Amino acid sequence: MTNWLGEKECNFCHADLSDETLIDGRTCYGPWAVMCDLCHVVHGVGLGTGSGQRYEPQEVRISKGTALMPSAVTVRTIHTKVEG
């Protein structure tokens, strides 16, 4: 799995994708864009090598007392799910 470290806003409708599925993909216009699911249907060219990939939010639990966090917290990250 890969973490998405880029912007988390749809380049077309400007929806906040911090807690939503996002697609980093090629558009029918040529350039790549960050898109929500709906905008990907309208402007995207598919998923897979050379077309794009979908990143889905997942909760990661960090235990109390770890070196990273002094107390229990839930951190939301976005991971990819390769389709194809």
Protein backbone atom coordinates (compact mmCIF):
# COMPACT_ATOMS: atom_id res chain seq x y z
CA MET A 1 0.00 0.00 0.00
CA THR A 2 1.07 3.55 -0.70
CA ASN A 3 0.23 6.67 1.29
CA TRP A 4 -1.08 9.69 -0.61
CA LEU A 5 0.99 12.70 0.40
CA GLY A 6 -0.34 15.23 -2.11
CA GLU A 7 -3.26 17.61 -2.06
CA LYS A 8 -6.59 16.23 -0.88
CA GLU A 9 -8.97 18.43 -2.86
CA CYS A 10 -10.66 17.57 -6.16
CA ASN A 11 -9.12 19.68 -8.92
CA PHE A 12 -12.52 19.98 -10.64
CA CYS A 13 -15.27 20.46 -8.00
CA HIS A 14 -12.92 21.41 -5.11
CA ALA A 15 -14.48 18.85 -2.75
CA ASP A 16 -12.46 18.12 0.40
CA LEU A 17 -11.17 14.55 0.00
CA SER A 18 -9.37 14.31 3.35
CA ASP A 19 -11.75 11.56 4.51
CA GLU A 20 -12.96 10.39 1.08
CA THR A 21 -11.74 8.18 -1.73
CA LEU A 22 -9.66 10.11 -4.24
CA ILE A 23 -8.26 9.28 -7.65
CA ASP A 24 -4.92 10.52 -8.94
CA GLY A 25 -5.41 10.02 -12.63
CA ARG A 26 -5.04 11.13 -16.20
CA THR A 27 -7.90 13.20 -17.56
CA CYS A 28 -9.54 13.17 -20.98
CA TYR A 29 -7.85 16.56 -21.49
CA GLY A 30 -4.34 15.11 -21.15
CA PRO A 31 -2.95 16.30 -17.79
CA TRP A 32 -3.32 14.34 -14.57
CA ALA A 33 -5.50 15.56 -11.70
CA VAL A 34 -6.70 14.70 -8.22
CA MET A 35 -10.40 13.80 -8.58
CA CYS A 36 -13.37 12.70 -6.51
CA ASP A 37 -15.24 9.61 -7.75
CA LEU A 38 -17.90 11.63 -9.59
CA CYS A 39 -15.43 13.91 -11.37
CA HIS A 40 -13.36 10.85 -12.33
CA VAL A 41 -16.41 9.38 -14.09
CA VAL A 42 -16.81 12.62 -16.07
CA HIS A 43 -13.17 13.64 -16.66
CA GLY A 44 -11.02 10.53 -16.02
CA VAL A 45 -9.82 7.87 -18.46
CA GLY A 46 -9.77 4.84 -16.15
CA LEU A 47 -7.54 3.21 -13.58
CA GLY A 48 -4.33 1.21 -13.90
CA THR A 49 -0.84 1.73 -15.26
CA GLY A 50 -0.72 4.97 -17.25
CA SER A 51 -4.27 5.93 -16.30
CA GLY A 52 -4.48 6.44 -12.54
CA GLN A 53 -4.99 4.93 -9.14
CA ARG A 54 -7.58 5.11 -6.39
CA TYR A 55 -6.64 6.00 -2.81
CA GLU A 56 -9.03 5.08 -0.01
CA PRO A 57 -9.01 6.45 3.54
CA GLN A 58 -8.15 3.97 6.29
CA GLU A 59 -7.87 4.46 10.01
CA VAL A 60 -4.56 3.59 11.63
CA ARG A 61 -4.49 3.14 15.39
CA ILE A 62 -1.35 4.24 17.22
CA SER A 63 -1.05 2.66 20.67
CA LYS A 64 -0.59 4.56 23.91
CA GLY A 65 3.01 5.02 24.96
CA THR A 66 4.70 4.59 21.59
CA ALA A 67 7.63 6.76 20.61
CA LEU A 68 5.42 8.44 18.00
CA MET A 69 2.49 9.47 20.18
CA PRO A 70 2.27 9.96 23.95
CA SER A 71 -1.38 8.84 24.11
CA ALA A 72 -3.84 6.86 21.99
CA VAL A 73 -5.00 8.68 18.86
CA THR A 74 -6.59 7.71 15.59
CA VAL A 75 -4.80 8.93 12.49
CA ARG A 76 -6.48 8.89 9.08
CA THR A 77 -4.25 8.10 6.13
CA ILE A 78 -5.08 7.32 2.55
CA HIS A 79 -3.89 4.10 0.94
CA THR A 80 -4.08 2.93 -2.63
CA LYS A 81 -6.04 0.00 -3.95
CA VAL A 82 -4.69 -1.14 -7.30
CA GLU A 83 -7.37 -2.19 -9.74
CA GLY A 84 -6.82 -4.07 -12.91
